[in-house]
Amino acid sequence: MTPNNLPRFNRLSAANTTPKTKQAGTYKEFDATELYCPRCKRPVPVRKRLLLVLPEGDKYIYLCAFCLETVGTKIDRYVKPVSVII
């Protein structure tokens, strides 16, 4: 085949392609559904319980659904600070 007989391919340059946009939704916080329990020695479903209300957010503990051992903690941070009017 000679160069004149070769099929022509559309060549896309980087300038002609549309850039991929960032993902619209991003995860800001997660809630655990299963965590490892040292007493049960396996991953178990957990229960989330409010422990403290702090100025920077609410502190939760995760409890094993079977033996009620504490398996983790989490602080939910507020988006804007809460102002108390007395």
N, C-alpha and C. Protein backbone atom coordinates (compact mmCIF):
# COMPACT_ATOMS: atom_id res chain seq x y z
N MET A 1 0.83 -1.18 0.00
CA MET A 1 0.00 0.00 0.00
C MET A 1 0.87 1.24 0.00
N THR A 2 0.45 2.17 -0.70
CA THR A 2 1.15 3.44 -0.73
C THR A 2 0.50 4.38 0.28
N PRO A 3 1.19 5.42 0.69
CA PRO A 3 0.61 6.34 1.68
C PRO A 3 -0.70 6.97 1.22
N ASN A 4 -0.91 7.10 -0.06
CA ASN A 4 -2.15 7.70 -0.55
C ASN A 4 -3.33 6.75 -0.37
N ASN A 5 -3.11 5.43 -0.31
CA ASN A 5 -4.19 4.45 -0.20
C ASN A 5 -4.56 4.12 1.25
N LEU A 6 -3.79 4.63 2.21
CA LEU A 6 -4.07 4.32 3.61
C LEU A 6 -5.35 5.03 4.05
N PRO A 7 -6.12 4.38 4.91
CA PRO A 7 -7.34 5.03 5.40
C PRO A 7 -6.98 6.22 6.27
N ARG A 8 -7.83 7.20 6.25
CA ARG A 8 -7.60 8.40 7.05
C ARG A 8 -8.35 8.25 8.37
N PHE A 9 -7.71 8.57 9.44
CA PHE A 9 -8.31 8.52 10.76
C PHE A 9 -8.49 9.95 11.27
N ASN A 10 -9.56 10.13 11.96
CA ASN A 10 -9.74 11.42 12.61
C ASN A 10 -8.82 11.49 13.81
N ARG A 11 -8.01 12.47 13.79
CA ARG A 11 -7.10 12.66 14.92
C ARG A 11 -7.65 13.79 15.78
N LEU A 12 -7.84 13.48 17.04
CA LEU A 12 -8.32 14.51 17.95
C LEU A 12 -7.14 15.06 18.73
N SER A 13 -7.01 16.33 18.67
CA SER A 13 -5.94 16.94 19.47
C SER A 13 -6.46 17.19 20.88
N ALA A 14 -5.57 17.45 21.76
CA ALA A 14 -5.97 17.70 23.15
C ALA A 14 -6.83 18.95 23.25
N ALA A 15 -6.66 19.88 22.34
CA ALA A 15 -7.44 21.11 22.38
C ALA A 15 -8.89 20.85 21.97
N ASN A 16 -9.14 19.85 21.14
CA ASN A 16 -10.49 19.58 20.66
C ASN A 16 -11.31 18.72 21.62
N THR A 17 -10.67 18.04 22.53
CA THR A 17 -11.40 17.18 23.44
C THR A 17 -11.92 18.00 24.62
N THR A 18 -13.06 17.59 25.12
CA THR A 18 -13.62 18.30 26.27
C THR A 18 -12.97 17.78 27.54
N PRO A 19 -12.57 18.66 28.43
CA PRO A 19 -11.94 18.19 29.67
C PRO A 19 -12.96 17.54 30.58
N LYS A 20 -12.51 16.53 31.30
CA LYS A 20 -13.39 15.87 32.25
C LYS A 20 -13.58 16.78 33.45
N THR A 21 -14.82 16.94 33.84
CA THR A 21 -15.10 17.79 34.99
C THR A 21 -14.96 17.01 36.28
N LYS A 22 -14.78 17.72 37.36
CA LYS A 22 -14.68 17.08 38.67
C LYS A 22 -16.04 16.50 39.02
N GLN A 23 -16.03 15.51 39.87
CA GLN A 23 -17.29 14.90 40.28
C GLN A 23 -18.13 15.94 40.98
N ALA A 24 -19.42 15.97 40.63
CA ALA A 24 -20.32 16.97 41.19
C ALA A 24 -20.52 16.77 42.69
N GLY A 25 -20.76 15.54 43.11
CA GLY A 25 -21.01 15.30 44.52
C GLY A 25 -19.80 14.66 45.19
N THR A 26 -19.40 15.20 46.30
CA THR A 26 -18.31 14.60 47.05
C THR A 26 -18.83 14.27 48.44
N TYR A 27 -18.28 13.25 49.02
CA TYR A 27 -18.69 12.84 50.35
C TYR A 27 -18.00 13.70 51.38
N LYS A 28 -18.79 14.24 52.29
CA LYS A 28 -18.21 15.07 53.34
C LYS A 28 -18.11 14.29 54.64
N GLU A 29 -19.06 13.41 54.90
CA GLU A 29 -19.04 12.64 56.13
C GLU A 29 -19.59 11.25 55.87
N PHE A 30 -19.14 10.31 56.68
CA PHE A 30 -19.62 8.94 56.59
C PHE A 30 -20.18 8.52 57.94
N ASP A 31 -21.14 7.63 57.92
CA ASP A 31 -21.62 6.97 59.12
C ASP A 31 -21.29 5.50 58.99
N ALA A 32 -20.67 4.94 60.02
CA ALA A 32 -20.28 3.54 59.97
C ALA A 32 -21.48 2.64 60.14
N THR A 33 -21.51 1.55 59.40
CA THR A 33 -22.55 0.54 59.58
C THR A 33 -21.98 -0.72 60.20
N GLU A 34 -20.71 -1.00 59.94
CA GLU A 34 -20.02 -2.14 60.54
C GLU A 34 -18.61 -1.72 60.92
N LEU A 35 -18.17 -2.18 62.09
CA LEU A 35 -16.80 -1.96 62.54
C LEU A 35 -16.31 -3.23 63.21
N TYR A 36 -14.99 -3.34 63.37
CA TYR A 36 -14.40 -4.51 64.00
C TYR A 36 -14.57 -4.40 65.52
N CYS A 37 -15.08 -5.45 66.15
CA CYS A 37 -15.24 -5.50 67.60
C CYS A 37 -14.14 -6.38 68.18
N PRO A 38 -13.31 -5.84 69.09
CA PRO A 38 -12.24 -6.65 69.68
C PRO A 38 -12.75 -7.76 70.58
N ARG A 39 -13.91 -7.57 71.19
CA ARG A 39 -14.45 -8.62 72.05
C ARG A 39 -15.05 -9.76 71.23
N CYS A 40 -15.81 -9.43 70.19
CA CYS A 40 -16.41 -10.47 69.33
C CYS A 40 -15.41 -11.02 68.31
N LYS A 41 -14.33 -10.28 68.08
CA LYS A 41 -13.26 -10.66 67.15
C LYS A 41 -13.75 -10.83 65.71
N ARG A 42 -14.64 -9.92 65.29
CA ARG A 42 -15.12 -9.92 63.91
C ARG A 42 -15.82 -8.60 63.62
N PRO A 43 -16.01 -8.27 62.36
CA PRO A 43 -16.79 -7.06 62.03
C PRO A 43 -18.25 -7.27 62.41
N VAL A 44 -18.83 -6.28 63.05
CA VAL A 44 -20.21 -6.41 63.53
C VAL A 44 -21.00 -5.14 63.19
N PRO A 45 -22.31 -5.23 63.11
CA PRO A 45 -23.12 -4.01 62.96
C PRO A 45 -22.96 -3.14 64.21
N VAL A 46 -23.06 -1.84 64.02
CA VAL A 46 -22.87 -0.93 65.15
C VAL A 46 -24.10 -0.06 65.36
N ARG A 47 -24.20 0.46 66.58
CA ARG A 47 -25.24 1.42 66.95
C ARG A 47 -24.55 2.74 67.26
N LYS A 48 -25.08 3.81 66.73
CA LYS A 48 -24.51 5.13 66.95
C LYS A 48 -25.28 5.82 68.07
N ARG A 49 -24.56 6.26 69.12
CA ARG A 49 -25.19 6.91 70.26
C ARG A 49 -24.52 8.26 70.52
N LEU A 50 -25.33 9.27 70.82
CA LEU A 50 -24.81 10.59 71.16
C LEU A 50 -24.17 10.54 72.53
N LEU A 51 -22.92 10.98 72.63
CA LEU A 51 -22.19 10.95 73.89
C LEU A 51 -22.11 12.33 74.51
N LEU A 52 -21.66 13.32 73.74
CA LEU A 52 -21.47 14.68 74.24
C LEU A 52 -21.90 15.70 73.20
N VAL A 53 -22.34 16.86 73.66
CA VAL A 53 -22.57 17.99 72.78
C VAL A 53 -21.46 18.99 73.08
N LEU A 54 -20.55 19.16 72.13
CA LEU A 54 -19.38 20.00 72.30
C LEU A 54 -19.50 21.26 71.46
N PRO A 55 -18.74 22.31 71.76
CA PRO A 55 -18.80 23.54 70.93
C PRO A 55 -18.43 23.29 69.47
N GLU A 56 -17.51 22.34 69.23
CA GLU A 56 -17.10 22.07 67.83
C GLU A 56 -17.98 21.06 67.14
N GLY A 57 -18.89 20.41 67.84
CA GLY A 57 -19.80 19.45 67.22
C GLY A 57 -20.25 18.39 68.20
N ASP A 58 -21.12 17.52 67.73
CA ASP A 58 -21.64 16.44 68.56
C ASP A 58 -20.71 15.24 68.50
N LYS A 59 -20.40 14.67 69.67
CA LYS A 59 -19.53 13.49 69.73
C LYS A 59 -20.40 12.25 69.90
N TYR A 60 -20.22 11.29 69.00
CA TYR A 60 -20.97 10.04 69.01
C TYR A 60 -20.01 8.88 69.31
N ILE A 61 -20.55 7.82 69.90
CA ILE A 61 -19.79 6.59 70.04
C ILE A 61 -20.50 5.51 69.25
N TYR A 62 -19.73 4.58 68.73
CA TYR A 62 -20.26 3.42 68.03
C TYR A 62 -20.15 2.22 68.95
N LEU A 63 -21.27 1.54 69.16
CA LEU A 63 -21.32 0.37 70.04
C LEU A 63 -21.59 -0.88 69.23
N CYS A 64 -20.95 -1.99 69.62
CA CYS A 64 -21.20 -3.28 68.99
C CYS A 64 -22.66 -3.65 69.24
N ALA A 65 -23.35 -4.11 68.23
CA ALA A 65 -24.76 -4.46 68.36
C ALA A 65 -24.97 -5.72 69.19
N PHE A 66 -23.92 -6.53 69.39
CA PHE A 66 -24.07 -7.78 70.13
C PHE A 66 -23.64 -7.66 71.59
N CYS A 67 -22.44 -7.12 71.84
CA CYS A 67 -21.91 -7.09 73.21
C CYS A 67 -21.87 -5.69 73.81
N LEU A 68 -22.24 -4.65 73.05
CA LEU A 68 -22.26 -3.25 73.48
C LEU A 68 -20.89 -2.69 73.85
N GLU A 69 -19.82 -3.31 73.33
CA GLU A 69 -18.46 -2.79 73.49
C GLU A 69 -18.31 -1.53 72.61
N THR A 70 -17.61 -0.51 73.11
CA THR A 70 -17.34 0.68 72.31
C THR A 70 -16.31 0.32 71.24
N VAL A 71 -16.66 0.55 69.98
CA VAL A 71 -15.77 0.19 68.88
C VAL A 71 -15.29 1.40 68.08
N GLY A 72 -15.77 2.60 68.41
CA GLY A 72 -15.31 3.78 67.71
C GLY A 72 -16.03 5.03 68.16
N THR A 73 -15.47 6.19 67.76
CA THR A 73 -16.09 7.48 68.07
C THR A 73 -16.09 8.34 66.81
N LYS A 74 -16.92 9.38 66.85
CA LYS A 74 -17.01 10.30 65.72
C LYS A 74 -17.49 11.64 66.23
N ILE A 75 -16.97 12.73 65.68
CA ILE A 75 -17.45 14.07 65.99
C ILE A 75 -18.05 14.65 64.72
N ASP A 76 -19.34 14.96 64.78
CA ASP A 76 -20.02 15.65 63.67
C ASP A 76 -19.79 17.14 63.85
N ARG A 77 -19.03 17.72 62.96
CA ARG A 77 -18.71 19.14 63.06
C ARG A 77 -19.83 19.96 62.44
N TYR A 78 -20.15 21.05 63.08
CA TYR A 78 -21.19 21.95 62.59
C TYR A 78 -20.65 22.77 61.42
N VAL A 79 -21.54 23.12 60.51
CA VAL A 79 -21.14 23.95 59.38
C VAL A 79 -20.89 25.37 59.86
N LYS A 80 -21.81 25.91 60.64
CA LYS A 80 -21.60 27.22 61.23
C LYS A 80 -21.72 27.11 62.74
N PRO A 81 -20.96 27.89 63.47
CA PRO A 81 -20.98 27.79 64.92
C PRO A 81 -22.36 28.17 65.48
N VAL A 82 -22.72 27.50 66.55
CA VAL A 82 -23.99 27.77 67.21
C VAL A 82 -23.76 28.87 68.24
N SER A 83 -24.55 29.90 68.17
CA SER A 83 -24.43 30.97 69.15
C SER A 83 -25.57 30.85 70.16
N VAL A 84 -25.20 30.96 71.41
CA VAL A 84 -26.15 30.83 72.50
C VAL A 84 -26.50 32.23 73.00
N ILE A 85 -27.78 32.54 73.04
CA ILE A 85 -28.24 33.84 73.54
C ILE A 85 -28.87 33.62 74.90
N ILE A 86 -28.33 34.31 75.91
CA ILE A 86 -28.85 34.13 77.27
C ILE A 86 -29.59 35.38 77.69
